[in-house]
């Protein structure tokens, strides 16, 4: 079972997951401190969310883009840490071009 913070994140993203816009990647299914999210239409647009090494109730994120080298060259921060849930949800919303998410 995922740690409580990841369960809370999944509950927050449930509308986007249920609608099929996002999916949880199978890649980290056995990791209790991390999960992968990906765009259903293009799994190369992904986000790896983790709680290890973070303060209680905070998250780290590693963003994946189809043109990863282009994103890095453009100065897009690919890894962020110590994000609270509203900040993480906002970042995921921008990354995946999601409708506003209530949290």
Protein backbone atom coordinates (compact mmCIF):
# COMPACT_ATOMS: atom_id res chain seq x y z
CA UNK A 1 0.00 0.00 0.00
CA UNK A 2 1.27 3.49 -0.85
CA UNK A 3 2.06 5.83 2.00
CA UNK A 4 -0.73 8.14 3.06
CA UNK A 5 0.63 11.20 1.19
CA UNK A 6 0.58 9.30 -2.13
CA UNK A 7 -2.89 7.94 -1.42
CA UNK A 8 -4.05 11.51 -0.79
CA UNK A 9 -2.49 12.61 -4.08
CA UNK A 10 -4.26 9.81 -5.96
CA UNK A 11 -7.56 10.79 -4.36
CA UNK A 12 -7.00 14.38 -5.48
CA UNK A 13 -6.22 13.25 -9.05
CA UNK A 14 -9.08 10.71 -9.17
CA UNK A 15 -11.21 12.72 -11.66
CA UNK A 16 -8.31 12.92 -14.13
CA UNK A 17 -7.45 9.24 -13.65
CA UNK A 18 -11.09 8.11 -13.81
CA UNK A 19 -11.67 10.11 -17.00
CA UNK A 20 -8.68 8.42 -18.60
CA UNK A 21 -6.64 11.60 -19.06
CA UNK A 22 -3.93 10.35 -16.66
CA UNK A 23 -2.87 6.88 -15.68
CA UNK A 24 -0.70 5.47 -12.94
CA UNK A 25 2.36 3.80 -14.41
CA UNK A 26 3.02 0.17 -13.63
CA UNK A 27 6.75 0.95 -13.39
CA UNK A 28 6.70 1.80 -9.68
CA UNK A 29 3.74 -0.28 -8.54
CA UNK A 30 5.73 -2.03 -5.77
CA UNK A 31 7.35 1.15 -4.43
CA UNK A 32 5.48 2.41 -1.36
CA UNK A 33 7.18 5.81 -1.48
CA UNK A 34 6.81 6.69 -5.16
CA UNK A 35 4.52 6.47 -8.14
CA UNK A 36 4.62 7.37 -11.77
CA UNK A 37 1.92 9.29 -13.59
CA UNK A 38 1.71 9.49 -17.35
CA UNK A 39 -0.46 11.03 -20.00
CA UNK A 40 -2.64 8.32 -21.46
CA UNK A 41 -2.04 9.48 -25.05
CA UNK A 42 1.73 9.83 -24.65
CA UNK A 43 3.52 7.95 -21.86
CA UNK A 44 6.71 9.93 -22.55
CA UNK A 45 5.01 12.89 -20.84
CA UNK A 46 5.30 11.61 -17.30
CA UNK A 47 5.92 12.57 -13.71
CA UNK A 48 7.64 10.50 -11.04
CA UNK A 49 6.34 11.56 -7.62
CA UNK A 50 8.17 10.48 -4.49
CA UNK A 51 7.99 10.99 -0.74
CA UNK A 52 11.32 9.57 0.40
CA UNK A 53 13.70 12.22 1.68
CA UNK A 54 10.84 14.73 1.95
CA UNK A 55 9.36 16.36 5.03
CA UNK A 56 6.13 14.80 6.30
CA UNK A 57 3.29 15.67 3.91
CA UNK A 58 5.66 16.91 1.19
CA UNK A 59 6.61 15.51 -2.17
CA UNK A 60 9.39 15.45 -4.69
CA UNK A 61 8.78 15.27 -8.42
CA UNK A 62 10.85 14.38 -11.45
CA UNK A 63 9.21 15.48 -14.71
CA UNK A 64 9.63 13.63 -17.98
CA UNK A 65 9.05 15.22 -21.38
CA UNK A 66 9.01 13.73 -24.90
CA UNK A 67 11.85 16.13 -25.83
CA UNK A 68 13.73 15.82 -22.54
CA UNK A 69 16.92 17.35 -23.94
CA UNK A 70 14.92 20.32 -25.24
CA UNK A 71 13.28 20.87 -21.83
CA UNK A 72 16.64 20.72 -20.06
CA UNK A 73 18.19 23.11 -22.58
CA UNK A 74 15.28 25.52 -22.12
CA UNK A 75 15.97 25.62 -18.39
CA UNK A 76 12.80 23.78 -17.35
CA UNK A 77 13.37 22.52 -13.79
CA UNK A 78 12.90 18.77 -14.09
CA UNK A 79 13.27 17.89 -10.40
CA UNK A 80 11.61 19.73 -7.53
CA UNK A 81 11.47 18.76 -3.88
CA UNK A 82 9.69 19.69 -0.65
CA UNK A 83 6.43 20.55 -2.43
CA UNK A 84 3.22 20.66 -0.42
CA UNK A 85 0.13 19.06 -1.98
CA UNK A 86 -1.32 22.28 -3.49
CA UNK A 87 2.05 23.12 -5.09
CA UNK A 88 2.44 19.59 -6.41
CA UNK A 89 -1.09 19.52 -7.84
CA UNK A 90 -0.51 22.89 -9.50
CA UNK A 91 2.73 21.67 -11.05
CA UNK A 92 1.07 18.45 -12.26
CA UNK A 93 -1.81 20.48 -13.71
CA UNK A 94 0.59 22.61 -15.72
CA UNK A 95 2.74 19.63 -16.77
CA UNK A 96 -0.19 17.52 -17.98
CA UNK A 97 -2.41 20.44 -19.10
CA UNK A 98 -5.16 19.36 -16.72
CA UNK A 99 -8.38 21.16 -15.97
CA UNK A 100 -8.18 22.95 -12.61
CA UNK A 101 -7.92 20.38 -9.84
CA UNK A 102 -9.60 20.91 -6.48
CA UNK A 103 -7.37 19.93 -3.58
